[in-house]
């Protein structure tokens, strides 16, 4: 699948790489940072770029949590198992080193203080035609409505308009409402108690049902086609405020970047990109000789970015 732009959710890729390396070292449920994780991260980006064949790669890191979301939901993304201080320092060391390597490979690397990666990537996605997002985070699936494809590397699948309904049981237009009903454990967002994925998809299986108000009207319709069990009707109507707040939390379009942030993105977009051949020696220090021994072939998808 060819696309002009690959948008990388860096935090999600680092998370997956660190836990994968932890599992390989027999430390299940524990992230491990260092050279092996850096190599795994670069391999993820390289694999996606080799599939997508983009002319531009953006790698975006989290710069903090959304103040708007925290004001709506103070426990938003609160972790039950916070990282130890040393692990956190190792993580930030990986972020810095990976960013340096990616810049030398011809990628554009971006972090906006106080902004989450998914909001910045959503902004970027609206600037390009048919971009591909690399992430397993479900937050990006809402972007499919606007023509974005999401490459979920763990499942080795593209999600686009062509297979969205088959994959998730709803149309892209109704996905936010569907997520608001079922909730999001990773963000500490509770859904409507008693409504799981199957019921939620049946409630919003019409792409014209995209708002809590439209859903409320639907569950109160008595026609045979729209008949809803009294218990489900009551659950929806009693939890309309929760559904509205969940949509407020989940909708990336509600995060408005300021002038300075947009200016920083524009500068990154127009900056000169170079491919630094000497990056091969730094890759060698990651302990993966195959990257260096086959560097010309390994780096081909990055060379075409310049």
C-alpha atoms as a PDB file:
ATOM      1  CA  UNK A   1       0.000   0.000   0.000  1.00  0.00           C
ATOM      2  CA  UNK A   2       1.770   3.156  -1.193  1.00  0.00           C
ATOM      3  CA  UNK A   3       1.223   6.474   0.566  1.00  0.00           C
ATOM      4  CA  UNK A   4       3.028   9.794   0.452  1.00  0.00           C
ATOM      5  CA  UNK A   5       3.134  10.112   4.245  1.00  0.00           C
ATOM      6  CA  UNK A   6       3.714   7.709   7.136  1.00  0.00           C
ATOM      7  CA  UNK A   7       2.761   9.073  10.571  1.00  0.00           C
ATOM      8  CA  UNK A   8       4.369   7.180  13.466  1.00  0.00           C
ATOM      9  CA  UNK A   9       2.915   7.121  16.961  1.00  0.00           C
ATOM     10  CA  UNK A  10       6.325   6.993  18.622  1.00  0.00           C
ATOM     11  CA  UNK A  11       5.115   6.447  22.178  1.00  0.00           C
ATOM     12  CA  UNK A  12       3.027   3.452  21.158  1.00  0.00           C
ATOM     13  CA  UNK A  13       5.919   1.931  19.199  1.00  0.00           C
ATOM     14  CA  UNK A  14       8.345   2.451  22.091  1.00  0.00           C
ATOM     15  CA  UNK A  15       5.862   0.928  24.528  1.00  0.00           C
ATOM     16  CA  UNK A  16       5.453  -2.153  22.362  1.00  0.00           C
ATOM     17  CA  UNK A  17       9.193  -2.483  21.784  1.00  0.00           C
ATOM     18  CA  UNK A  18      10.067  -2.154  25.492  1.00  0.00           C
ATOM     19  CA  UNK A  19       7.533  -4.742  26.615  1.00  0.00           C
ATOM     20  CA  UNK A  20       8.533  -7.106  23.827  1.00  0.00           C
ATOM     21  CA  UNK A  21      12.182  -6.946  24.863  1.00  0.00           C
ATOM     22  CA  UNK A  22      11.129  -7.375  28.490  1.00  0.00           C
ATOM     23  CA  UNK A  23       9.214 -10.525  27.586  1.00  0.00           C
ATOM     24  CA  UNK A  24      12.165 -11.905  25.604  1.00  0.00           C
ATOM     25  CA  UNK A  25      14.350 -11.404  28.677  1.00  0.00           C
ATOM     26  CA  UNK A  26      11.859 -13.242  30.891  1.00  0.00           C
ATOM     27  CA  UNK A  27      10.590 -10.051  32.531  1.00  0.00           C
ATOM     28  CA  UNK A  28       6.929 -10.236  31.580  1.00  0.00           C
ATOM     29  CA  UNK A  29       4.755  -7.178  32.219  1.00  0.00           C
ATOM     30  CA  UNK A  30       7.928  -5.100  32.676  1.00  0.00           C
ATOM     31  CA  UNK A  31       9.303  -2.685  30.058  1.00  0.00           C
ATOM     32  CA  UNK A  32      13.030  -2.848  29.359  1.00  0.00           C
ATOM     33  CA  UNK A  33      14.834   0.086  27.768  1.00  0.00           C
ATOM     34  CA  UNK A  34      18.270   0.242  26.178  1.00  0.00           C
ATOM     35  CA  UNK A  35      20.006  -0.720  22.907  1.00  0.00           C
ATOM     36  CA  UNK A  36      17.767  -3.721  22.145  1.00  0.00           C
ATOM     37  CA  UNK A  37      14.617  -1.651  22.551  1.00  0.00           C
ATOM     38  CA  UNK A  38      16.042   1.099  20.354  1.00  0.00           C
ATOM     39  CA  UNK A  39      16.817  -1.469  17.670  1.00  0.00           C
ATOM     40  CA  UNK A  40      13.331  -2.971  17.957  1.00  0.00           C
ATOM     41  CA  UNK A  41      11.760   0.487  17.593  1.00  0.00           C
ATOM     42  CA  UNK A  42      13.789   1.277  14.477  1.00  0.00           C
ATOM     43  CA  UNK A  43      12.873  -2.108  13.023  1.00  0.00           C
ATOM     44  CA  UNK A  44       9.171  -1.324  13.495  1.00  0.00           C
ATOM     45  CA  UNK A  45       9.455   1.992  11.671  1.00  0.00           C
ATOM     46  CA  UNK A  46      11.622   0.471   8.946  1.00  0.00           C
ATOM     47  CA  UNK A  47       9.165  -2.417   8.412  1.00  0.00           C
ATOM     48  CA  UNK A  48       6.227  -0.021   8.089  1.00  0.00           C
ATOM     49  CA  UNK A  49       8.149   2.316   5.763  1.00  0.00           C
ATOM     50  CA  UNK A  50       9.140  -0.647   3.582  1.00  0.00           C
ATOM     51  CA  UNK A  51       5.477  -1.597   3.248  1.00  0.00           C
ATOM     52  CA  UNK A  52       4.048   1.893   2.809  1.00  0.00           C
ATOM     53  CA  UNK A  53       6.918   3.367   0.720  1.00  0.00           C
ATOM     54  CA  UNK A  54       6.256   6.948   1.827  1.00  0.00           C
ATOM     55  CA  UNK A  55       7.939  10.122   0.630  1.00  0.00           C
ATOM     56  CA  UNK A  56       7.766  11.569   4.138  1.00  0.00           C
ATOM     57  CA  UNK A  57       7.905  10.014   7.620  1.00  0.00           C
ATOM     58  CA  UNK A  58       6.780  11.888  10.729  1.00  0.00           C
ATOM     59  CA  UNK A  59       7.649  10.431  14.128  1.00  0.00           C
ATOM     60  CA  UNK A  60       5.680  12.115  16.919  1.00  0.00           C
ATOM     61  CA  UNK A  61       6.246  11.733  20.663  1.00  0.00           C
ATOM     62  CA  UNK A  62       3.921  12.541  23.544  1.00  0.00           C
ATOM     63  CA  UNK A  63       4.662  15.926  25.077  1.00  0.00           C
ATOM     64  CA  UNK A  64       2.333  15.552  28.052  1.00  0.00           C
ATOM     65  CA  UNK A  65      -1.317  15.021  28.852  1.00  0.00           C
ATOM     66  CA  UNK A  66      -4.124  17.180  27.553  1.00  0.00           C
ATOM     67  CA  UNK A  67      -5.135  19.842  30.093  1.00  0.00           C
ATOM     68  CA  UNK A  68      -8.589  19.927  28.526  1.00  0.00           C
ATOM     69  CA  UNK A  69      -9.076  16.209  29.052  1.00  0.00           C
ATOM     70  CA  UNK A  70      -7.701  16.303  32.597  1.00  0.00           C
ATOM     71  CA  UNK A  71     -10.183  19.063  33.460  1.00  0.00           C
ATOM     72  CA  UNK A  72     -13.004  16.798  32.288  1.00  0.00           C
ATOM     73  CA  UNK A  73     -11.612  13.614  33.838  1.00  0.00           C
ATOM     74  CA  UNK A  74      -8.914  14.082  36.550  1.00  0.00           C
ATOM     75  CA  UNK A  75      -7.932  10.378  36.511  1.00  0.00           C
ATOM     76  CA  UNK A  76      -7.478  10.343  32.737  1.00  0.00           C
ATOM     77  CA  UNK A  77      -4.613   7.984  31.851  1.00  0.00           C
ATOM     78  CA  UNK A  78      -3.661   7.606  35.507  1.00  0.00           C
ATOM     79  CA  UNK A  79      -1.412   4.546  35.700  1.00  0.00           C
ATOM     80  CA  UNK A  80      -1.976   1.856  38.319  1.00  0.00           C
ATOM     81  CA  UNK A  81       1.665   0.831  37.915  1.00  0.00           C
ATOM     82  CA  UNK A  82       3.830   3.942  37.480  1.00  0.00           C
ATOM     83  CA  UNK A  83       7.357   3.414  36.203  1.00  0.00           C
ATOM     84  CA  UNK A  84      10.228   3.403  38.666  1.00  0.00           C
ATOM     85  CA  UNK A  85      12.461   6.485  38.465  1.00  0.00           C
ATOM     86  CA  UNK A  86      15.396   4.613  36.903  1.00  0.00           C
ATOM     87  CA  UNK A  87      13.124   2.981  34.319  1.00  0.00           C
ATOM     88  CA  UNK A  88      11.684   6.386  33.472  1.00  0.00           C
ATOM     89  CA  UNK A  89      15.194   7.813  32.998  1.00  0.00           C
ATOM     90  CA  UNK A  90      16.068   4.879  30.746  1.00  0.00           C
ATOM     91  CA  UNK A  91      12.907   5.517  28.766  1.00  0.00           C
ATOM     92  CA  UNK A  92      13.761   9.169  28.168  1.00  0.00           C
ATOM     93  CA  UNK A  93      17.297   8.191  27.194  1.00  0.00           C
ATOM     94  CA  UNK A  94      15.799   5.914  24.537  1.00  0.00           C
ATOM     95  CA  UNK A  95      13.496   8.686  23.322  1.00  0.00           C
ATOM     96  CA  UNK A  96      16.445  11.060  22.880  1.00  0.00           C
ATOM     97  CA  UNK A  97      18.709   8.525  21.158  1.00  0.00           C
ATOM     98  CA  UNK A  98      15.991   7.150  18.871  1.00  0.00           C
ATOM     99  CA  UNK A  99      15.069  10.700  17.843  1.00  0.00           C
ATOM    100  CA  UNK A 100      18.686  11.499  16.933  1.00  0.00           C
ATOM    101  CA  UNK A 101      18.963   8.341  14.848  1.00  0.00           C
ATOM    102  CA  UNK A 102      15.677   8.954  13.042  1.00  0.00           C
ATOM    103  CA  UNK A 103      16.624  12.514  12.138  1.00  0.00           C
ATOM    104  CA  UNK A 104      19.833  11.220  10.575  1.00  0.00           C
ATOM    105  CA  UNK A 105      17.803   8.605   8.670  1.00  0.00           C
ATOM    106  CA  UNK A 106      15.722  11.354   7.062  1.00  0.00           C
ATOM    107  CA  UNK A 107      12.610  11.291   9.267  1.00  0.00           C
ATOM    108  CA  UNK A 108      10.882  14.332  10.732  1.00  0.00           C
ATOM    109  CA  UNK A 109      10.710  14.083  14.521  1.00  0.00           C
ATOM    110  CA  UNK A 110       8.282  16.184  16.529  1.00  0.00           C
ATOM    111  CA  UNK A 111       7.160  16.692  20.120  1.00  0.00           C
ATOM    112  CA  UNK A 112       4.936  19.534  21.317  1.00  0.00           C
ATOM    113  CA  UNK A 113       5.086  20.210  25.084  1.00  0.00           C
ATOM    114  CA  UNK A 114       1.732  19.566  26.733  1.00  0.00           C
ATOM    115  CA  UNK A 115       0.321  17.799  23.674  1.00  0.00           C
ATOM    116  CA  UNK A 116      -0.405  14.116  23.203  1.00  0.00           C
ATOM    117  CA  UNK A 117       0.945  12.364  20.131  1.00  0.00           C
ATOM    118  CA  UNK A 118      -2.481  11.303  18.898  1.00  0.00           C
ATOM    119  CA  UNK A 119      -3.714  14.914  18.818  1.00  0.00           C
ATOM    120  CA  UNK A 120      -0.631  16.127  16.930  1.00  0.00           C
ATOM    121  CA  UNK A 121      -0.826  13.198  14.520  1.00  0.00           C
ATOM    122  CA  UNK A 122      -4.534  13.872  13.984  1.00  0.00           C
ATOM    123  CA  UNK A 123      -3.658  17.459  13.067  1.00  0.00           C
ATOM    124  CA  UNK A 124      -0.982  16.235  10.643  1.00  0.00           C
ATOM    125  CA  UNK A 125      -3.325  13.627   9.164  1.00  0.00           C
ATOM    126  CA  UNK A 126      -5.701  16.395   8.091  1.00  0.00           C
ATOM    127  CA  UNK A 127      -2.844  18.104   6.218  1.00  0.00           C
ATOM    128  CA  UNK A 128      -2.047  15.212   3.890  1.00  0.00           C
ATOM    129  CA  UNK A 129      -3.950  13.099   1.390  1.00  0.00           C
ATOM    130  CA  UNK A 130      -4.508   9.471   2.435  1.00  0.00           C
ATOM    131  CA  UNK A 131      -1.723   9.197   5.046  1.00  0.00           C
ATOM    132  CA  UNK A 132      -0.974   5.987   6.947  1.00  0.00           C
ATOM    133  CA  UNK A 133      -0.712   6.007  10.749  1.00  0.00           C
ATOM    134  CA  UNK A 134       1.514   3.410  12.406  1.00  0.00           C
ATOM    135  CA  UNK A 135      -0.016   2.539  15.784  1.00  0.00           C
ATOM    136  CA  UNK A 136      -1.972  -0.100  17.661  1.00  0.00           C
ATOM    137  CA  UNK A 137      -3.759   2.634  19.631  1.00  0.00           C
ATOM    138  CA  UNK A 138      -7.497   2.556  18.930  1.00  0.00           C
ATOM    139  CA  UNK A 139      -7.696   6.364  19.160  1.00  0.00           C
ATOM    140  CA  UNK A 140      -6.492   6.645  15.573  1.00  0.00           C
ATOM    141  CA  UNK A 141      -9.326   4.587  14.140  1.00  0.00           C
ATOM    142  CA  UNK A 142     -11.572   7.658  14.327  1.00  0.00           C
ATOM    143  CA  UNK A 143      -9.376   9.197  11.606  1.00  0.00           C
ATOM    144  CA  UNK A 144     -10.399   6.557   9.043  1.00  0.00           C
ATOM    145  CA  UNK A 145     -13.570   8.584   8.449  1.00  0.00           C
ATOM    146  CA  UNK A 146     -11.345  11.309   6.975  1.00  0.00           C
ATOM    147  CA  UNK A 147      -9.484   9.007   4.586  1.00  0.00           C
ATOM    148  CA  UNK A 148      -6.644   7.877   6.869  1.00  0.00           C
ATOM    149  CA  UNK A 149      -5.452   4.259   6.923  1.00  0.00           C
ATOM    150  CA  UNK A 150      -4.146   2.793  10.180  1.00  0.00           C
ATOM    151  CA  UNK A 151      -1.449   0.137  10.067  1.00  0.00           C
ATOM    152  CA  UNK A 152      -1.683  -2.055  13.171  1.00  0.00           C
ATOM    153  CA  UNK A 153       1.678  -3.756  13.175  1.00  0.00           C
ATOM    154  CA  UNK A 154       0.893  -6.294  15.912  1.00  0.00           C
ATOM    155  CA  UNK A 155      -1.835  -7.742  13.689  1.00  0.00           C
ATOM    156  CA  UNK A 156      -0.058  -6.904  10.411  1.00  0.00           C
ATOM    157  CA  UNK A 157      -3.230  -5.303   9.085  1.00  0.00           C
ATOM    158  CA  UNK A 158      -4.331  -2.066   7.461  1.00  0.00           C
ATOM    159  CA  UNK A 159      -7.608  -0.620   8.629  1.00  0.00           C
ATOM    160  CA  UNK A 160      -9.324   1.622   6.106  1.00  0.00           C
ATOM    161  CA  UNK A 161     -12.835   2.291   4.850  1.00  0.00           C
ATOM    162  CA  UNK A 162     -12.615  -0.912   2.830  1.00  0.00           C
ATOM    163  CA  UNK A 163     -12.533  -3.229   5.860  1.00  0.00           C
ATOM    164  CA  UNK A 164     -13.607  -1.024   8.764  1.00  0.00           C
ATOM    165  CA  UNK A 165     -17.141  -2.317   9.183  1.00  0.00           C
ATOM    166  CA  UNK A 166     -16.036  -5.934   8.777  1.00  0.00           C
ATOM    167  CA  UNK A 167     -13.332  -5.401  11.398  1.00  0.00           C
ATOM    168  CA  UNK A 168     -15.237  -3.364  14.006  1.00  0.00           C
ATOM    169  CA  UNK A 169     -18.917  -3.868  13.234  1.00  0.00           C
ATOM    170  CA  UNK A 170     -19.651  -0.168  12.647  1.00  0.00           C
ATOM    171  CA  UNK A 171     -18.973   2.459  10.016  1.00  0.00           C
ATOM    172  CA  UNK A 172     -16.118   4.939  10.628  1.00  0.00           C
ATOM    173  CA  UNK A 173     -18.638   7.765  11.098  1.00  0.00           C
ATOM    174  CA  UNK A 174     -20.123   5.987  14.146  1.00  0.00           C
ATOM    175  CA  UNK A 175     -16.871   4.803  15.694  1.00  0.00           C
ATOM    176  CA  UNK A 176     -16.482   7.604  18.252  1.00  0.00           C
ATOM    177  CA  UNK A 177     -19.979   7.006  19.571  1.00  0.00           C
ATOM    178  CA  UNK A 178     -19.288   3.268  19.689  1.00  0.00           C
ATOM    179  CA  UNK A 179     -16.107   3.897  21.719  1.00  0.00           C
ATOM    180  CA  UNK A 180     -17.978   6.251  24.026  1.00  0.00           C
ATOM    181  CA  UNK A 181     -20.415   3.424  24.789  1.00  0.00           C
ATOM    182  CA  UNK A 182     -17.793   0.732  25.465  1.00  0.00           C
ATOM    183  CA  UNK A 183     -15.161   2.978  27.094  1.00  0.00           C
ATOM    184  CA  UNK A 184     -11.381   2.813  26.937  1.00  0.00           C
ATOM    185  CA  UNK A 185      -9.468   1.037  29.694  1.00  0.00           C
ATOM    186  CA  UNK A 186      -6.097   2.407  28.607  1.00  0.00           C
ATOM    187  CA  UNK A 187      -7.367   5.961  29.164  1.00  0.00           C
ATOM    188  CA  UNK A 188      -9.350   5.101  32.328  1.00  0.00           C
ATOM    189  CA  UNK A 189     -12.618   5.914  30.570  1.00  0.00           C
ATOM    190  CA  UNK A 190     -15.554   3.851  31.749  1.00  0.00           C
ATOM    191  CA  UNK A 191     -18.186   2.961  29.221  1.00  0.00           C
ATOM    192  CA  UNK A 192     -21.880   2.470  29.880  1.00  0.00           C
ATOM    193  CA  UNK A 193     -22.278  -0.351  32.438  1.00  0.00           C
ATOM    194  CA  UNK A 194     -24.028  -3.318  30.867  1.00  0.00           C
ATOM    195  CA  UNK A 195     -23.240  -2.335  27.276  1.00  0.00           C
ATOM    196  CA  UNK A 196     -20.421  -4.281  25.647  1.00  0.00           C
ATOM    197  CA  UNK A 197     -19.048  -4.282  22.130  1.00  0.00           C
ATOM    198  CA  UNK A 198     -21.821  -6.419  20.627  1.00  0.00           C
ATOM    199  CA  UNK A 199     -24.669  -4.300  21.974  1.00  0.00           C
ATOM    200  CA  UNK A 200     -22.841  -1.054  21.214  1.00  0.00           C
ATOM    201  CA  UNK A 201     -22.282  -2.025  17.572  1.00  0.00           C
ATOM    202  CA  UNK A 202     -25.959  -2.957  17.213  1.00  0.00           C
ATOM    203  CA  UNK A 203     -26.990   0.442  18.584  1.00  0.00           C
ATOM    204  CA  UNK A 204     -24.832   2.441  16.154  1.00  0.00           C
ATOM    205  CA  UNK A 205     -24.862   0.180  13.088  1.00  0.00           C
ATOM    206  CA  UNK A 206     -26.401   3.019  11.062  1.00  0.00           C
ATOM    207  CA  UNK A 207     -23.752   5.587   9.957  1.00  0.00           C
ATOM    208  CA  UNK A 208     -26.291   8.392  10.510  1.00  0.00           C
ATOM    209  CA  UNK A 209     -26.205   7.657  14.265  1.00  0.00           C
ATOM    210  CA  UNK A 210     -23.125   9.636  15.315  1.00  0.00           C
ATOM    211  CA  UNK A 211     -24.169  11.748  18.334  1.00  0.00           C
ATOM    212  CA  UNK A 212     -25.626  10.988  21.798  1.00  0.00           C
ATOM    213  CA  UNK A 213     -28.772  12.906  20.828  1.00  0.00           C
ATOM    214  CA  UNK A 214     -29.317  10.799  17.710  1.00  0.00           C
ATOM    215  CA  UNK A 215     -28.712   7.658  19.757  1.00  0.00           C
ATOM    216  CA  UNK A 216     -31.216   8.756  22.407  1.00  0.00           C
ATOM    217  CA  UNK A 217     -33.814   9.349  19.724  1.00  0.00           C
ATOM    218  CA  UNK A 218     -33.134   5.964  18.189  1.00  0.00           C
ATOM    219  CA  UNK A 219     -33.494   3.935  21.398  1.00  0.00           C
ATOM    220  CA  UNK A 220     -36.848   5.632  22.051  1.00  0.00           C
ATOM    221  CA  UNK A 221     -38.228   4.699  18.616  1.00  0.00           C
ATOM    222  CA  UNK A 222     -40.737   1.856  18.812  1.00  0.00           C
ATOM    223  CA  UNK A 223     -40.722   0.710  15.193  1.00  0.00           C
ATOM    224  CA  UNK A 224     -39.839  -2.928  14.517  1.00  0.00           C
ATOM    225  CA  UNK A 225     -36.681  -1.953  12.658  1.00  0.00           C
ATOM    226  CA  UNK A 226     -35.356   0.097  15.565  1.00  0.00           C
ATOM    227  CA  UNK A 227     -36.783  -1.841  18.496  1.00  0.00           C
ATOM    228  CA  UNK A 228     -34.482  -1.753  21.546  1.00  0.00           C
ATOM    229  CA  UNK A 229     -34.948  -3.734  24.737  1.00  0.00           C
ATOM    230  CA  UNK A 230     -36.257  -1.614  27.628  1.00  0.00           C
ATOM    231  CA  UNK A 231     -33.160  -2.417  29.707  1.00  0.00           C
ATOM    232  CA  UNK A 232     -30.807  -1.157  26.989  1.00  0.00           C
ATOM    233  CA  UNK A 233     -32.972   1.909  26.392  1.00  0.00           C
ATOM    234  CA  UNK A 234     -32.782   2.767  30.072  1.00  0.00           C
ATOM    235  CA  UNK A 235     -29.005   2.277  30.203  1.00  0.00           C
ATOM    236  CA  UNK A 236     -28.456   4.643  27.288  1.00  0.00           C
ATOM    237  CA  UNK A 237     -30.807   7.354  28.538  1.00  0.00           C
ATOM    238  CA  UNK A 238     -29.471   7.202  32.100  1.00  0.00           C
ATOM    239  CA  UNK A 239     -25.877   7.539  30.889  1.00  0.00           C
ATOM    240  CA  UNK A 240     -26.154  10.228  28.216  1.00  0.00           C
ATOM    241  CA  UNK A 241     -23.905  12.597  30.185  1.00  0.00           C
ATOM    242  CA  UNK A 242     -21.200   9.917  30.442  1.00  0.00           C
ATOM    243  CA  UNK A 243     -21.465   9.232  26.714  1.00  0.00           C
ATOM    244  CA  UNK A 244     -21.115  12.952  25.950  1.00  0.00           C
ATOM    245  CA  UNK A 245     -18.055  13.306  28.185  1.00  0.00           C
ATOM    246  CA  UNK A 246     -16.448  10.214  26.671  1.00  0.00           C
ATOM    247  CA  UNK A 247     -16.841  11.692  23.199  1.00  0.00           C
ATOM    248  CA  UNK A 248     -15.320  14.945  24.475  1.00  0.00           C
ATOM    249  CA  UNK A 249     -12.381  12.931  25.796  1.00  0.00           C
ATOM    250  CA  UNK A 250     -11.875  10.726  22.748  1.00  0.00           C
ATOM    251  CA  UNK A 251     -12.400  13.170  19.884  1.00  0.00           C
ATOM    252  CA  UNK A 252      -8.972  14.362  18.702  1.00  0.00           C
ATOM    253  CA  UNK A 253     -10.602  17.115  16.628  1.00  0.00           C
ATOM    254  CA  UNK A 254     -11.516  18.938  19.857  1.00  0.00           C
ATOM    255  CA  UNK A 255      -7.865  19.574  20.699  1.00  0.00           C
ATOM    256  CA  UNK A 256      -7.052  22.937  19.121  1.00  0.00           C
ATOM    257  CA  UNK A 257      -3.377  23.708  18.560  1.00  0.00           C
ATOM    258  CA  UNK A 258      -2.238  27.267  19.150  1.00  0.00           C
ATOM    259  CA  UNK A 259      -0.391  29.545  16.721  1.00  0.00           C
ATOM    260  CA  UNK A 260       3.051  28.771  18.146  1.00  0.00           C
ATOM    261  CA  UNK A 261       2.454  25.015  17.940  1.00  0.00           C
ATOM    262  CA  UNK A 262       1.253  25.252  14.346  1.00  0.00           C
ATOM    263  CA  UNK A 263       4.291  27.365  13.536  1.00  0.00           C
ATOM    264  CA  UNK A 264       6.586  24.694  14.993  1.00  0.00           C
ATOM    265  CA  UNK A 265       4.892  22.035  12.857  1.00  0.00           C
ATOM    266  CA  UNK A 266       5.264  24.222   9.768  1.00  0.00           C
ATOM    267  CA  UNK A 267       8.973  24.694  10.474  1.00  0.00           C
ATOM    268  CA  UNK A 268       9.427  20.921  10.794  1.00  0.00           C
ATOM    269  CA  UNK A 269       7.445  20.403   7.594  1.00  0.00           C
ATOM    270  CA  UNK A 270       9.585  22.777   5.569  1.00  0.00           C
ATOM    271  CA  UNK A 271      12.978  21.963   7.090  1.00  0.00           C
ATOM    272  CA  UNK A 272      15.656  20.356   4.939  1.00  0.00           C
ATOM    273  CA  UNK A 273      15.961  16.588   5.292  1.00  0.00           C
ATOM    274  CA  UNK A 274      19.278  14.793   5.000  1.00  0.00           C
ATOM    275  CA  UNK A 275      20.373  11.189   5.061  1.00  0.00           C
ATOM    276  CA  UNK A 276      23.583  10.794   7.092  1.00  0.00           C
ATOM    277  CA  UNK A 277      25.608   7.772   5.989  1.00  0.00           C
ATOM    278  CA  UNK A 278      27.585   7.847   9.238  1.00  0.00           C
ATOM    279  CA  UNK A 279      24.462   6.798  11.138  1.00  0.00           C
ATOM    280  CA  UNK A 280      25.492   3.216  10.302  1.00  0.00           C
ATOM    281  CA  UNK A 281      28.240   3.337  12.933  1.00  0.00           C
ATOM    282  CA  UNK A 282      25.754   4.401  15.597  1.00  0.00           C
ATOM    283  CA  UNK A 283      23.387   1.625  14.600  1.00  0.00           C
ATOM    284  CA  UNK A 284      26.263  -0.798  15.110  1.00  0.00           C
ATOM    285  CA  UNK A 285      26.385   0.171  18.786  1.00  0.00           C
ATOM    286  CA  UNK A 286      22.846  -1.170  19.189  1.00  0.00           C
ATOM    287  CA  UNK A 287      24.252  -4.682  18.888  1.00  0.00           C
ATOM    288  CA  UNK A 288      22.408  -5.630  15.704  1.00  0.00           C
ATOM    289  CA  UNK A 289      25.085  -6.397  13.157  1.00  0.00           C
ATOM    290  CA  UNK A 290      22.588  -7.272  10.425  1.00  0.00           C
ATOM    291  CA  UNK A 291      21.504  -3.604  10.251  1.00  0.00           C
ATOM    292  CA  UNK A 292      25.090  -2.535   9.581  1.00  0.00           C
ATOM    293  CA  UNK A 293      26.177  -5.465   7.418  1.00  0.00           C
ATOM    294  CA  UNK A 294      23.204  -4.868   5.123  1.00  0.00           C
ATOM    295  CA  UNK A 295      22.942  -1.130   5.720  1.00  0.00           C
ATOM    296  CA  UNK A 296      22.431  -0.051   2.112  1.00  0.00           C
ATOM    297  CA  UNK A 297      19.509  -2.429   1.657  1.00  0.00           C
ATOM    298  CA  UNK A 298      18.172  -1.951   5.207  1.00  0.00           C
ATOM    299  CA  UNK A 299      18.106   1.824   4.801  1.00  0.00           C
ATOM    300  CA  UNK A 300      16.607   1.977   1.303  1.00  0.00           C
ATOM    301  CA  UNK A 301      13.145   3.004   2.521  1.00  0.00           C
ATOM    302  CA  UNK A 302      14.749   5.930   4.400  1.00  0.00           C
ATOM    303  CA  UNK A 303      16.997   7.020   1.528  1.00  0.00           C
ATOM    304  CA  UNK A 304      13.971   7.707  -0.658  1.00  0.00           C
ATOM    305  CA  UNK A 305      12.789  10.343   1.868  1.00  0.00           C
ATOM    306  CA  UNK A 306      15.533  12.772   0.848  1.00  0.00           C
END
